[in-house]
Protein backbone atom coordinates (compact mmCIF):
# COMPACT_ATOMS: atom_id res chain seq x y z
CA MET A 1 -6.21 -49.51 34.68
CA ILE A 2 -5.45 -45.91 33.49
CA MET A 3 -4.13 -47.38 30.26
CA SER A 4 -7.16 -49.35 29.77
CA LYS A 5 -9.18 -46.34 30.03
CA TYR A 6 -7.11 -44.40 27.90
CA PHE A 7 -7.05 -47.02 25.24
CA PHE A 8 -11.10 -47.32 25.51
CA PHE A 9 -11.26 -43.81 24.99
CA LEU A 10 -9.01 -43.64 21.75
CA ILE A 11 -11.51 -46.38 20.30
CA HIS A 12 -14.31 -44.53 21.49
CA MET A 13 -13.05 -41.79 19.72
CA LEU A 14 -11.99 -43.62 16.55
CA PHE A 15 -15.45 -45.51 16.24
CA PHE A 16 -17.18 -41.71 16.33
CA SER A 17 -14.70 -40.23 13.92
CA VAL A 18 -15.05 -43.38 11.34
CA CYS A 19 -19.07 -43.47 11.72
CA PHE A 20 -19.73 -39.94 12.04
CA SER A 21 -16.66 -38.08 10.52
CA GLN A 22 -17.15 -35.28 12.73
CA ILE A 23 -16.69 -34.71 16.62
CA GLY A 24 -18.33 -32.40 18.71
CA ILE A 25 -17.34 -31.26 22.25
CA ASN A 26 -20.28 -29.67 23.89
CA THR A 27 -22.19 -29.97 20.96
CA GLN A 28 -24.53 -32.64 19.37
CA THR A 29 -24.41 -31.16 16.04
CA PRO A 30 -20.61 -30.57 14.99
CA GLN A 31 -20.39 -28.28 11.99
CA LYS A 32 -16.62 -29.31 11.46
CA THR A 33 -14.37 -32.35 11.77
CA LEU A 34 -13.77 -31.16 15.30
CA HIS A 35 -16.51 -28.59 16.60
CA VAL A 36 -15.68 -27.09 20.26
CA ASN A 37 -18.44 -25.35 21.68
CA GLY A 38 -16.62 -23.61 24.73
CA THR A 39 -12.89 -22.57 25.66
CA LEU A 40 -9.89 -23.80 24.49
CA GLN A 41 -6.64 -23.87 26.38
CA VAL A 42 -3.38 -24.83 24.50
CA THR A 43 -0.54 -25.30 26.81
CA ASN A 44 2.39 -26.05 24.15
CA GLU A 45 2.83 -25.77 20.39
CA ILE A 46 0.06 -25.20 17.95
CA ASN A 47 1.17 -27.21 14.98
CA LEU A 48 -0.44 -26.42 11.57
CA GLY A 49 0.20 -28.88 8.58
CA GLY A 50 3.08 -30.07 10.50
CA SER A 51 4.85 -26.89 11.32
CA SER A 52 4.67 -25.21 14.33
CA GLY A 53 6.12 -21.40 12.98
CA THR A 54 8.95 -19.95 14.50
CA SER A 55 9.55 -17.27 17.09
CA GLY A 56 7.89 -14.18 16.63
CA GLN A 57 5.36 -15.20 13.47
CA ILE A 58 1.56 -14.63 13.86
CA LEU A 59 -1.01 -16.88 12.74
CA ARG A 60 -2.79 -15.46 9.43
CA SER A 61 -6.35 -16.44 8.24
CA ASN A 62 -6.42 -17.22 4.38
CA GLY A 63 -10.45 -17.45 4.11
CA PRO A 64 -12.91 -20.25 4.19
CA GLY A 65 -11.74 -23.71 3.23
CA GLN A 66 -8.14 -22.62 3.09
CA PRO A 67 -5.49 -23.49 6.01
CA ALA A 68 -4.14 -20.73 8.14
CA THR A 69 -0.47 -20.09 7.84
CA TRP A 70 2.56 -18.70 9.96
CA GLU A 71 3.91 -15.43 8.55
CA ASN A 72 6.19 -12.84 9.54
CA MET A 73 5.27 -9.42 10.05
CA ALA A 74 6.58 -7.18 7.06
CA GLY A 75 8.73 -4.55 8.34
CA GLY A 76 10.12 -6.87 10.95
CA LEU A 77 9.18 -7.10 14.43
CA ASN A 78 12.31 -5.67 16.20
CA SER A 79 11.55 -2.41 13.96
CA THR A 80 10.69 0.82 16.00
CA GLY A 81 7.42 2.24 14.58
CA THR A 82 3.48 2.01 14.33
CA VAL A 83 1.99 -1.34 13.25
CA MET A 84 -0.56 -0.88 10.29
CA VAL A 85 -2.46 -3.06 7.97
CA VAL A 86 -1.93 -2.92 4.40
CA GLY A 87 -3.70 -5.29 2.07
CA GLY A 88 -4.64 -7.66 5.07
CA LYS A 89 -1.22 -7.95 6.37
CA TYR A 90 0.41 -6.48 9.28
CA VAL A 91 3.46 -4.02 8.60
CA VAL A 92 5.53 -1.53 10.48
CA ALA A 93 5.26 1.68 8.84
CA GLN A 94 8.30 3.22 7.67
CA GLU A 95 9.16 6.59 9.13
CA ILE A 96 11.68 9.04 9.09
CA THR A 97 12.05 11.95 11.87
CA VAL A 98 15.32 14.17 11.57
CA ASN A 99 16.09 17.54 13.74
CA MET A 100 18.40 20.16 12.25
CA ALA A 101 21.88 19.78 14.06
CA SER A 102 23.31 23.19 13.12
CA ASP A 103 22.08 26.23 11.48
CA PHE A 104 21.94 25.99 7.53
CA ALA A 105 22.78 28.95 5.42
CA GLY A 106 21.05 29.13 1.55
CA PRO A 107 22.06 31.02 -1.14
CA ALA A 108 20.21 33.49 -3.09
CA VAL A 109 18.84 32.26 -6.32
CA PRO A 110 17.43 34.67 -8.76
CA GLY A 111 13.66 33.74 -9.41
CA ALA A 112 13.67 31.16 -6.79
CA THR A 113 13.28 28.61 -9.57
CA ILE A 114 16.02 26.14 -8.54
CA ALA A 115 15.78 24.78 -4.83
CA THR A 116 18.71 24.27 -2.74
CA ASN A 117 19.14 20.76 -0.86
CA ILE A 118 19.02 21.77 2.81
CA GLY A 119 22.32 20.49 4.77
CA SER A 120 22.77 19.95 8.67
CA LEU A 121 19.61 17.63 8.67
CA THR A 122 21.71 15.10 10.50
CA ASP A 123 20.31 14.63 14.12
CA GLU A 124 18.10 11.41 13.25
CA VAL A 125 15.22 10.65 15.46
CA ILE A 126 13.88 7.45 13.92
CA ASP A 127 14.89 6.11 10.39
CA ASN A 128 13.50 2.41 11.04
CA GLU A 129 14.42 1.43 7.30
CA ASN A 130 17.82 2.98 6.91
CA ARG A 131 16.54 5.07 3.91
CA TYR A 132 17.41 8.21 4.83
CA SER A 133 21.10 10.14 4.38
CA GLY A 134 22.02 13.62 5.28
CA ASN A 135 25.42 15.46 5.73
CA GLY A 136 26.49 19.31 6.31
CA SER A 137 25.30 19.90 2.60
CA SER A 138 22.48 17.84 1.62
CA ASN A 139 20.15 15.21 2.36
CA THR A 140 18.19 12.55 0.46
CA PHE A 141 15.47 9.62 1.19
CA GLN A 142 13.63 6.91 -0.42
CA VAL A 143 10.21 4.92 0.53
CA SER A 144 10.29 1.31 0.57
CA ALA A 145 6.70 0.92 -0.94
CA ASP A 146 4.49 3.04 -2.76
CA GLY A 147 1.86 4.70 -0.90
CA VAL A 148 0.32 7.60 1.01
CA TYR A 149 2.75 9.22 3.35
CA LYS A 150 2.27 12.15 6.14
CA VAL A 151 5.08 14.76 5.49
CA ILE A 152 5.94 17.47 7.99
CA MET A 153 8.57 20.00 7.72
CA ASN A 154 8.88 22.83 10.47
CA MET A 155 11.44 25.04 9.42
CA GLN A 156 12.27 28.24 11.41
CA LEU A 157 13.98 31.02 8.59
CA SER A 158 15.93 34.16 8.89
CA THR A 159 15.81 36.32 6.17
CA THR A 160 14.88 39.92 4.37
CA ASN A 161 11.53 41.24 5.19
CA ASN A 162 9.08 41.02 2.15
CA THR A 163 10.47 38.03 0.34
CA TYR A 164 8.87 34.85 -0.29
CA PRO A 165 11.05 31.95 0.92
CA VAL A 166 9.81 28.29 -0.10
CA VAL A 167 10.34 25.14 1.66
CA GLY A 168 9.25 21.59 0.63
CA ILE A 169 9.94 17.94 -0.70
CA TRP A 170 11.85 17.58 -3.94
CA ASP A 171 11.93 14.95 -6.52
CA ASN A 172 15.77 14.47 -7.61
CA THR A 173 14.65 12.61 -10.93
CA THR A 174 12.21 15.22 -12.23
CA ASN A 175 13.72 18.46 -10.51
CA LEU A 176 10.37 19.38 -9.33
CA TRP A 177 8.51 20.26 -6.45
CA VAL A 178 6.43 17.47 -4.93
CA ALA A 179 4.92 19.48 -2.10
CA ARG A 180 6.06 22.92 -0.89
CA VAL A 181 4.80 26.12 1.16
CA ASN A 182 5.77 29.50 0.60
CA ASP A 183 4.78 32.81 2.01
CA VAL A 184 5.90 36.27 2.46
CA PHE A 185 8.43 36.82 5.11
CA ALA A 186 6.76 39.48 7.27
CA ALA A 187 9.04 39.37 9.90
CA PRO A 188 11.79 42.23 10.45
CA THR A 189 15.02 41.46 8.28
CA ASN A 190 17.16 39.10 9.83
CA GLY A 191 13.91 38.30 12.45
CA PHE A 192 12.45 34.96 12.64
CA GLN A 193 9.59 33.30 11.02
CA THR A 194 8.66 29.70 10.99
CA TYR A 195 7.38 27.75 7.87
CA THR A 196 5.34 24.93 8.09
CA LEU A 197 4.60 21.92 5.39
CA MET A 198 1.85 19.50 6.57
CA THR A 199 0.41 17.47 4.02
CA SER A 200 -0.59 13.75 2.86
CA LEU A 201 0.51 12.57 -0.45
CA PHE A 202 1.87 9.36 -2.70
CA LEU A 203 5.46 8.75 -2.70
CA ALA A 204 6.96 6.01 -4.75
CA ALA A 205 9.21 3.45 -4.03
CA GLY A 206 12.79 3.69 -5.73
CA LYS A 207 12.65 7.34 -6.17
CA ASP A 208 15.06 9.88 -4.79
CA TYR A 209 13.77 12.75 -2.70
CA SER A 210 15.14 15.62 -0.70
CA PHE A 211 14.10 18.33 1.58
CA ARG A 212 14.69 21.56 0.02
CA ALA A 213 14.42 25.59 0.41
CA ALA A 214 14.67 28.34 -1.92
CA ASN A 215 14.55 32.55 -1.85
CA THR A 216 15.68 35.16 -4.02
CA VAL A 217 17.83 36.41 -1.28
CA ALA A 218 19.97 34.59 1.32
CA TYR A 219 18.50 32.95 4.36
CA THR A 220 19.44 31.03 7.68
CA ILE A 221 17.57 28.10 8.48
CA LYS A 222 17.82 27.84 12.39
CA ALA A 223 18.71 24.79 14.51
CA LEU A 224 17.35 25.95 17.69
CA SER A 225 14.87 28.18 19.18
CA SER A 226 16.46 31.08 21.41
CA GLY A 227 14.76 33.51 23.94
CA ALA A 228 14.90 34.31 27.63
CA THR A 229 12.32 31.25 28.09
CA GLY A 230 15.34 28.78 26.80
CA SER A 231 16.11 26.92 23.53
CA GLY A 232 15.28 23.78 21.91
CA PRO A 233 15.18 22.13 18.43
CA VAL A 234 12.92 23.99 16.21
CA SER A 235 13.70 22.83 12.46
CA GLU A 236 12.47 19.45 12.03
CA VAL A 237 11.39 17.14 8.96
CA SER A 238 9.10 13.72 9.19
CA VAL A 239 7.90 11.21 6.85
CA LYS A 240 5.59 8.49 7.81
CA ARG A 241 3.66 5.95 5.98
CA LEU A 242 -0.47 6.11 6.36
CA LYS A 243 -1.44 3.48 3.98
C-alpha cells in the first residue's frame, strides 16, 4: 500500500512537471522549476551539478541565471585572522604583529639619510601567511596581495635630547621611506620617549619591506617598559590588510 502511494505520488509529480514544467509548493504560481513558498529543511548533503563540495567549502552565488558553486575561502579556513570580503569573495586578512624581544641599539647616521633596519623584532604574535622574517639585526616582510594595509609602529626610544629620531616602513627595493614619523626628542638625554606611526597605505605584493629607524646620534629602542608599577612589552609593529 505504501509503495503504491509512493508510485502514485511520483506519477503525479511527473505529470505536473511535463504539463506545466514548473512545480509550486505552497504556491499556485511557481516562478521557477521548483518554487517553495516556505521553509526548507535539509538533513543530508546539498548536491549541486553532481557535486556536494568538500568539507569547509562555502556556497557562492554567481548571479541570476548562473549555477551556484562550492568554493574555498581564500586564505584558508584554518588561518588565524579576520575574515573580510574582497571582490565578492571571503578572505582571511593577512596580518603581522611582532613585539621586540630585546633592546636594539641603533647607530648614529650623519644627516639621518640612511635608515637602519631594526633588529630584535622576533617575538611574533601573529604572522598568518608566514611572510615575516626577523633576527637580531634586521627584519623583512612581504604582503601577499596588492591592497590597503593598516600599519602601526610603536617604538620607545632612548637617545640624546633635542635630536630628531625617525621610525617607519622602508621599501627595500627603492631604498626610500614608504611611511614614517619623526619628532624632536624632548625627553632628557638617555630618557624615554615613544614614537608612534599609525596610518593606512597601499602596499604591493612581491616587494620587500622592513621596519626601520634613523637618528643623527646613537639611540636605543626599548623592548620593555619599566617602572615602579611593573614592566611589559612596549615596542611593537603590526601590518593588517583592510581591503
